[in-house]
């Protein structure tokens, strides 16, 4: 109850949009 999150575009989201590839089925690895 102390926290509120304000997300920005993630780097992964930007990356897939830059290369014009759908990304809902991608594996995300840090």
ModelCIF file with pLDDT and N, C-alpha, C, O atoms, coordinates in Angstrom:
data_MODEL
#
_entry.id   MODEL 
#
_entity.id                         1 
_entity.type                       polymer 
_entity.pdbx_number_of_molecules   1 
#
_entity_poly.entity_id                      1 
_entity_poly.type                           'polypeptide(L)' 
_entity_poly.nstd_linkage                   no 
_entity_poly.nstd_monomer                   no 
_entity_poly.pdbx_seq_one_letter_code       
;(UNK)(UNK)(UNK)(UNK)(UNK)(UNK)(UNK)(UNK)(UNK)(UNK)(UNK)(UNK)(UNK)(UNK)(UNK)(UNK)
(UNK)(UNK)(UNK)(UNK)(UNK)(UNK)(UNK)(UNK)(UNK)(UNK)(UNK)(UNK)(UNK)(UNK)
;
_entity_poly.pdbx_seq_one_letter_code_can   XXXXXXXXXXXXXXXXXXXXXXXXXXXXXX 
_entity_poly.pdbx_strand_id                 A 
#
loop_
_entity_poly_seq.entity_id 
_entity_poly_seq.num 
_entity_poly_seq.mon_id 
_entity_poly_seq.hetero 
1 1  UNK n 
1 2  UNK n 
1 3  UNK n 
1 4  UNK n 
1 5  UNK n 
1 6  UNK n 
1 7  UNK n 
1 8  UNK n 
1 9  UNK n 
1 10 UNK n 
1 11 UNK n 
1 12 UNK n 
1 13 UNK n 
1 14 UNK n 
1 15 UNK n 
1 16 UNK n 
1 17 UNK n 
1 18 UNK n 
1 19 UNK n 
1 20 UNK n 
1 21 UNK n 
1 22 UNK n 
1 23 UNK n 
1 24 UNK n 
1 25 UNK n 
1 26 UNK n 
1 27 UNK n 
1 28 UNK n 
1 29 UNK n 
1 30 UNK n 
#
_struct_asym.id          A 
_struct_asym.entity_id   1 
#
loop_
_ma_qa_metric.id 
_ma_qa_metric.mode 
_ma_qa_metric.name 
_ma_qa_metric.software_group_id 
_ma_qa_metric.type 
1 global pLDDT . pLDDT 
2 local  pLDDT . pLDDT 
#
_ma_qa_metric_global.metric_id      1 
_ma_qa_metric_global.metric_value   95.50 
_ma_qa_metric_global.model_id       1 
_ma_qa_metric_global.ordinal_id     1 
#
loop_
_ma_qa_metric_local.label_asym_id 
_ma_qa_metric_local.label_comp_id 
_ma_qa_metric_local.label_seq_id 
_ma_qa_metric_local.metric_id 
_ma_qa_metric_local.metric_value 
_ma_qa_metric_local.model_id 
_ma_qa_metric_local.ordinal_id 
A UNK 1  2 95.00 1 1  
A UNK 2  2 95.00 1 2  
A UNK 3  2 96.00 1 3  
A UNK 4  2 96.00 1 4  
A UNK 5  2 97.00 1 5  
A UNK 6  2 96.00 1 6  
A UNK 7  2 95.00 1 7  
A UNK 8  2 94.00 1 8  
A UNK 9  2 93.00 1 9  
A UNK 10 2 93.00 1 10 
A UNK 11 2 93.00 1 11 
A UNK 12 2 96.00 1 12 
A UNK 13 2 95.00 1 13 
A UNK 14 2 96.00 1 14 
A UNK 15 2 97.00 1 15 
A UNK 16 2 97.00 1 16 
A UNK 17 2 97.00 1 17 
A UNK 18 2 97.00 1 18 
A UNK 19 2 97.00 1 19 
A UNK 20 2 97.00 1 20 
A UNK 21 2 97.00 1 21 
A UNK 22 2 96.00 1 22 
A UNK 23 2 95.00 1 23 
A UNK 24 2 94.00 1 24 
A UNK 25 2 95.00 1 25 
A UNK 26 2 96.00 1 26 
A UNK 27 2 96.00 1 27 
A UNK 28 2 96.00 1 28 
A UNK 29 2 95.00 1 29 
A UNK 30 2 93.00 1 30 
#
loop_
_atom_site.group_PDB 
_atom_site.id 
_atom_site.type_symbol 
_atom_site.label_atom_id 
_atom_site.label_alt_id 
_atom_site.label_comp_id 
_atom_site.label_asym_id 
_atom_site.label_entity_id 
_atom_site.label_seq_id 
_atom_site.pdbx_PDB_ins_code 
_atom_site.Cartn_x 
_atom_site.Cartn_y 
_atom_site.Cartn_z 
_atom_site.occupancy 
_atom_site.B_iso_or_equiv 
_atom_site.pdbx_formal_charge 
_atom_site.auth_seq_id 
_atom_site.auth_comp_id 
_atom_site.auth_asym_id 
_atom_site.auth_atom_id 
_atom_site.pdbx_PDB_model_num 
ATOM 1   N N  . UNK A 1 1  ? 0.806  -1.217  0.000   1.00 95.00 ? 1  UNK A N  1 
ATOM 2   C CA . UNK A 1 1  ? 0.000  0.000   0.000   1.00 95.00 ? 1  UNK A CA 1 
ATOM 3   C C  . UNK A 1 1  ? 0.840  1.270   0.000   1.00 95.00 ? 1  UNK A C  1 
ATOM 4   O O  . UNK A 1 1  ? 0.301  2.368   -0.136  1.00 95.00 ? 1  UNK A O  1 
ATOM 5   N N  . UNK A 1 2  ? 2.170  1.131   0.152   1.00 95.00 ? 2  UNK A N  1 
ATOM 6   C CA . UNK A 1 2  ? 3.051  2.296   0.112   1.00 95.00 ? 2  UNK A CA 1 
ATOM 7   C C  . UNK A 1 2  ? 3.539  2.603   -1.307  1.00 95.00 ? 2  UNK A C  1 
ATOM 8   O O  . UNK A 1 2  ? 4.106  3.668   -1.552  1.00 95.00 ? 2  UNK A O  1 
ATOM 9   N N  . UNK A 1 3  ? 3.322  1.681   -2.229  1.00 96.00 ? 3  UNK A N  1 
ATOM 10  C CA . UNK A 1 3  ? 3.969  1.765   -3.544  1.00 96.00 ? 3  UNK A CA 1 
ATOM 11  C C  . UNK A 1 3  ? 2.992  2.040   -4.681  1.00 96.00 ? 3  UNK A C  1 
ATOM 12  O O  . UNK A 1 3  ? 1.893  1.488   -4.725  1.00 96.00 ? 3  UNK A O  1 
ATOM 13  N N  . UNK A 1 4  ? 3.414  2.903   -5.597  1.00 96.00 ? 4  UNK A N  1 
ATOM 14  C CA . UNK A 1 4  ? 2.723  3.096   -6.871  1.00 96.00 ? 4  UNK A CA 1 
ATOM 15  C C  . UNK A 1 4  ? 3.771  3.032   -7.976  1.00 96.00 ? 4  UNK A C  1 
ATOM 16  O O  . UNK A 1 4  ? 4.850  3.611   -7.853  1.00 96.00 ? 4  UNK A O  1 
ATOM 17  N N  . UNK A 1 5  ? 3.448  2.325   -9.053  1.00 97.00 ? 5  UNK A N  1 
ATOM 18  C CA . UNK A 1 5  ? 4.388  2.162   -10.151 1.00 97.00 ? 5  UNK A CA 1 
ATOM 19  C C  . UNK A 1 5  ? 3.907  2.942   -11.374 1.00 97.00 ? 5  UNK A C  1 
ATOM 20  O O  . UNK A 1 5  ? 2.725  2.937   -11.716 1.00 97.00 ? 5  UNK A O  1 
ATOM 21  N N  . UNK A 1 6  ? 4.852  3.604   -12.012 1.00 96.00 ? 6  UNK A N  1 
ATOM 22  C CA . UNK A 1 6  ? 4.569  4.390   -13.217 1.00 96.00 ? 6  UNK A CA 1 
ATOM 23  C C  . UNK A 1 6  ? 5.501  3.888   -14.327 1.00 96.00 ? 6  UNK A C  1 
ATOM 24  O O  . UNK A 1 6  ? 6.588  4.435   -14.512 1.00 96.00 ? 6  UNK A O  1 
ATOM 25  N N  . UNK A 1 7  ? 5.090  2.863   -15.059 1.00 95.00 ? 7  UNK A N  1 
ATOM 26  C CA . UNK A 1 7  ? 6.003  2.249   -16.043 1.00 95.00 ? 7  UNK A CA 1 
ATOM 27  C C  . UNK A 1 7  ? 6.212  3.128   -17.268 1.00 95.00 ? 7  UNK A C  1 
ATOM 28  O O  . UNK A 1 7  ? 5.329  3.879   -17.683 1.00 95.00 ? 7  UNK A O  1 
ATOM 29  N N  . UNK A 1 8  ? 7.394  3.010   -17.826 1.00 94.00 ? 8  UNK A N  1 
ATOM 30  C CA . UNK A 1 8  ? 7.738  3.592   -19.116 1.00 94.00 ? 8  UNK A CA 1 
ATOM 31  C C  . UNK A 1 8  ? 7.824  2.432   -20.108 1.00 94.00 ? 8  UNK A C  1 
ATOM 32  O O  . UNK A 1 8  ? 7.724  1.272   -19.708 1.00 94.00 ? 8  UNK A O  1 
ATOM 33  N N  . UNK A 1 9  ? 8.006  2.726   -21.380 1.00 93.00 ? 9  UNK A N  1 
ATOM 34  C CA . UNK A 1 9  ? 8.256  1.654   -22.350 1.00 93.00 ? 9  UNK A CA 1 
ATOM 35  C C  . UNK A 1 9  ? 9.520  0.905   -21.955 1.00 93.00 ? 9  UNK A C  1 
ATOM 36  O O  . UNK A 1 9  ? 10.545 1.523   -21.668 1.00 93.00 ? 9  UNK A O  1 
ATOM 37  N N  . UNK A 1 10 ? 9.454  -0.431  -21.938 1.00 93.00 ? 10 UNK A N  1 
ATOM 38  C CA . UNK A 1 10 ? 10.646 -1.221  -21.613 1.00 93.00 ? 10 UNK A CA 1 
ATOM 39  C C  . UNK A 1 10 ? 11.565 -1.279  -22.823 1.00 93.00 ? 10 UNK A C  1 
ATOM 40  O O  . UNK A 1 10 ? 11.129 -1.082  -23.957 1.00 93.00 ? 10 UNK A O  1 
ATOM 41  N N  . UNK A 1 11 ? 12.847 -1.553  -22.570 1.00 93.00 ? 11 UNK A N  1 
ATOM 42  C CA . UNK A 1 11 ? 13.815 -1.668  -23.657 1.00 93.00 ? 11 UNK A CA 1 
ATOM 43  C C  . UNK A 1 11 ? 13.444 -2.804  -24.602 1.00 93.00 ? 11 UNK A C  1 
ATOM 44  O O  . UNK A 1 11 ? 13.621 -2.689  -25.815 1.00 93.00 ? 11 UNK A O  1 
ATOM 45  N N  . UNK A 1 12 ? 12.927 -3.907  -24.045 1.00 96.00 ? 12 UNK A N  1 
ATOM 46  C CA . UNK A 1 12 ? 12.541 -5.046  -24.884 1.00 96.00 ? 12 UNK A CA 1 
ATOM 47  C C  . UNK A 1 12 ? 11.374 -4.664  -25.786 1.00 96.00 ? 12 UNK A C  1 
ATOM 48  O O  . UNK A 1 12 ? 11.357 -5.012  -26.967 1.00 96.00 ? 12 UNK A O  1 
ATOM 49  N N  . UNK A 1 13 ? 10.404 -3.950  -25.233 1.00 95.00 ? 13 UNK A N  1 
ATOM 50  C CA . UNK A 1 13 ? 9.263  -3.499  -26.032 1.00 95.00 ? 13 UNK A CA 1 
ATOM 51  C C  . UNK A 1 13 ? 9.730  -2.603  -27.180 1.00 95.00 ? 13 UNK A C  1 
ATOM 52  O O  . UNK A 1 13 ? 9.289  -2.765  -28.317 1.00 95.00 ? 13 UNK A O  1 
ATOM 53  N N  . UNK A 1 14 ? 10.601 -1.682  -26.886 1.00 96.00 ? 14 UNK A N  1 
ATOM 54  C CA . UNK A 1 14 ? 11.139 -0.805  -27.921 1.00 96.00 ? 14 UNK A CA 1 
ATOM 55  C C  . UNK A 1 14 ? 11.926 -1.604  -28.965 1.00 96.00 ? 14 UNK A C  1 
ATOM 56  O O  . UNK A 1 14 ? 11.810 -1.358  -30.165 1.00 96.00 ? 14 UNK A O  1 
ATOM 57  N N  . UNK A 1 15 ? 12.727 -2.564  -28.491 1.00 97.00 ? 15 UNK A N  1 
ATOM 58  C CA . UNK A 1 15 ? 13.569 -3.336  -29.409 1.00 97.00 ? 15 UNK A CA 1 
ATOM 59  C C  . UNK A 1 15 ? 12.730 -4.086  -30.437 1.00 97.00 ? 15 UNK A C  1 
ATOM 60  O O  . UNK A 1 15 ? 13.004 -3.997  -31.634 1.00 97.00 ? 15 UNK A O  1 
ATOM 61  N N  . UNK A 1 16 ? 11.717 -4.820  -29.992 1.00 97.00 ? 16 UNK A N  1 
ATOM 62  C CA . UNK A 1 16 ? 10.905 -5.582  -30.932 1.00 97.00 ? 16 UNK A CA 1 
ATOM 63  C C  . UNK A 1 16 ? 10.138 -4.675  -31.886 1.00 97.00 ? 16 UNK A C  1 
ATOM 64  O O  . UNK A 1 16 ? 9.946  -5.015  -33.053 1.00 97.00 ? 16 UNK A O  1 
ATOM 65  N N  . UNK A 1 17 ? 9.703  -3.528  -31.391 1.00 97.00 ? 17 UNK A N  1 
ATOM 66  C CA . UNK A 1 17 ? 9.009  -2.604  -32.283 1.00 97.00 ? 17 UNK A CA 1 
ATOM 67  C C  . UNK A 1 17 ? 9.959  -1.980  -33.298 1.00 97.00 ? 17 UNK A C  1 
ATOM 68  O O  . UNK A 1 17 ? 9.560  -1.687  -34.425 1.00 97.00 ? 17 UNK A O  1 
ATOM 69  N N  . UNK A 1 18 ? 11.206 -1.777  -32.903 1.00 97.00 ? 18 UNK A N  1 
ATOM 70  C CA . UNK A 1 18 ? 12.172 -1.225  -33.859 1.00 97.00 ? 18 UNK A CA 1 
ATOM 71  C C  . UNK A 1 18 ? 12.464 -2.218  -34.987 1.00 97.00 ? 18 UNK A C  1 
ATOM 72  O O  . UNK A 1 18 ? 12.620 -1.818  -36.141 1.00 97.00 ? 18 UNK A O  1 
ATOM 73  N N  . UNK A 1 19 ? 12.538 -3.508  -34.657 1.00 97.00 ? 19 UNK A N  1 
ATOM 74  C CA . UNK A 1 19 ? 12.842 -4.495  -35.708 1.00 97.00 ? 19 UNK A CA 1 
ATOM 75  C C  . UNK A 1 19 ? 11.571 -5.038  -36.357 1.00 97.00 ? 19 UNK A C  1 
ATOM 76  O O  . UNK A 1 19 ? 11.632 -5.872  -37.260 1.00 97.00 ? 19 UNK A O  1 
ATOM 77  N N  . UNK A 1 20 ? 10.408 -4.550  -35.881 1.00 97.00 ? 20 UNK A N  1 
ATOM 78  C CA . UNK A 1 20 ? 9.103  -4.843  -36.489 1.00 97.00 ? 20 UNK A CA 1 
ATOM 79  C C  . UNK A 1 20 ? 8.772  -6.329  -36.434 1.00 97.00 ? 20 UNK A C  1 
ATOM 80  O O  . UNK A 1 20 ? 8.422  -6.947  -37.439 1.00 97.00 ? 20 UNK A O  1 
ATOM 81  N N  . UNK A 1 21 ? 8.891  -6.881  -35.233 1.00 97.00 ? 21 UNK A N  1 
ATOM 82  C CA . UNK A 1 21 ? 8.596  -8.297  -35.005 1.00 97.00 ? 21 UNK A CA 1 
ATOM 83  C C  . UNK A 1 21 ? 7.650  -8.417  -33.809 1.00 97.00 ? 21 UNK A C  1 
ATOM 84  O O  . UNK A 1 21 ? 7.947  -7.861  -32.752 1.00 97.00 ? 21 UNK A O  1 
ATOM 85  N N  . UNK A 1 22 ? 6.504  -9.135  -33.941 1.00 96.00 ? 22 UNK A N  1 
ATOM 86  C CA . UNK A 1 22 ? 5.627  -9.347  -32.778 1.00 96.00 ? 22 UNK A CA 1 
ATOM 87  C C  . UNK A 1 22 ? 6.391  -10.044 -31.659 1.00 96.00 ? 22 UNK A C  1 
ATOM 88  O O  . UNK A 1 22 ? 7.245  -10.892 -31.917 1.00 96.00 ? 22 UNK A O  1 
ATOM 89  N N  . UNK A 1 23 ? 6.083  -9.684  -30.416 1.00 95.00 ? 23 UNK A N  1 
ATOM 90  C CA . UNK A 1 23 ? 6.929  -10.160 -29.324 1.00 95.00 ? 23 UNK A CA 1 
ATOM 91  C C  . UNK A 1 23 ? 6.164  -10.822 -28.191 1.00 95.00 ? 23 UNK A C  1 
ATOM 92  O O  . UNK A 1 23 ? 6.744  -11.088 -27.138 1.00 95.00 ? 23 UNK A O  1 
ATOM 93  N N  . UNK A 1 24 ? 4.879  -11.095 -28.376 1.00 94.00 ? 24 UNK A N  1 
ATOM 94  C CA . UNK A 1 24 ? 4.108  -11.690 -27.286 1.00 94.00 ? 24 UNK A CA 1 
ATOM 95  C C  . UNK A 1 24 ? 4.547  -13.118 -26.970 1.00 94.00 ? 24 UNK A C  1 
ATOM 96  O O  . UNK A 1 24 ? 4.285  -13.616 -25.875 1.00 94.00 ? 24 UNK A O  1 
ATOM 97  N N  . UNK A 1 25 ? 5.212  -13.781 -27.917 1.00 95.00 ? 25 UNK A N  1 
ATOM 98  C CA . UNK A 1 25 ? 5.635  -15.168 -27.729 1.00 95.00 ? 25 UNK A CA 1 
ATOM 99  C C  . UNK A 1 25 ? 7.141  -15.300 -27.511 1.00 95.00 ? 25 UNK A C  1 
ATOM 100 O O  . UNK A 1 25 ? 7.686  -16.397 -27.633 1.00 95.00 ? 25 UNK A O  1 
ATOM 101 N N  . UNK A 1 26 ? 7.816  -14.203 -27.192 1.00 96.00 ? 26 UNK A N  1 
ATOM 102 C CA . UNK A 1 26 ? 9.271  -14.234 -27.024 1.00 96.00 ? 26 UNK A CA 1 
ATOM 103 C C  . UNK A 1 26 ? 9.658  -14.752 -25.636 1.00 96.00 ? 26 UNK A C  1 
ATOM 104 O O  . UNK A 1 26 ? 8.876  -14.677 -24.689 1.00 96.00 ? 26 UNK A O  1 
ATOM 105 N N  . UNK A 1 27 ? 10.886 -15.278 -25.538 1.00 96.00 ? 27 UNK A N  1 
ATOM 106 C CA . UNK A 1 27 ? 11.480 -15.623 -24.244 1.00 96.00 ? 27 UNK A CA 1 
ATOM 107 C C  . UNK A 1 27 ? 12.284 -14.411 -23.771 1.00 96.00 ? 27 UNK A C  1 
ATOM 108 O O  . UNK A 1 27 ? 13.125 -13.893 -24.505 1.00 96.00 ? 27 UNK A O  1 
ATOM 109 N N  . UNK A 1 28 ? 12.023 -13.965 -22.547 1.00 96.00 ? 28 UNK A N  1 
ATOM 110 C CA . UNK A 1 28 ? 12.712 -12.800 -22.003 1.00 96.00 ? 28 UNK A CA 1 
ATOM 111 C C  . UNK A 1 28 ? 13.720 -13.266 -20.961 1.00 96.00 ? 28 UNK A C  1 
ATOM 112 O O  . UNK A 1 28 ? 13.369 -13.943 -19.995 1.00 96.00 ? 28 UNK A O  1 
ATOM 113 N N  . UNK A 1 29 ? 14.963 -12.897 -21.171 1.00 95.00 ? 29 UNK A N  1 
ATOM 114 C CA . UNK A 1 29 ? 16.044 -13.361 -20.290 1.00 95.00 ? 29 UNK A CA 1 
ATOM 115 C C  . UNK A 1 29 ? 16.888 -12.176 -19.877 1.00 95.00 ? 29 UNK A C  1 
ATOM 116 O O  . UNK A 1 29 ? 17.339 -11.403 -20.722 1.00 95.00 ? 29 UNK A O  1 
ATOM 117 N N  . UNK A 1 30 ? 17.101 -12.030 -18.590 1.00 93.00 ? 30 UNK A N  1 
ATOM 118 C CA . UNK A 1 30 ? 18.015 -11.009 -18.099 1.00 93.00 ? 30 UNK A CA 1 
ATOM 119 C C  . UNK A 1 30 ? 19.351 -11.660 -17.779 1.00 93.00 ? 30 UNK A C  1 
ATOM 120 O O  . UNK A 1 30 ? 20.281 -10.980 -17.346 1.00 93.00 ? 30 UNK A O  1 
#
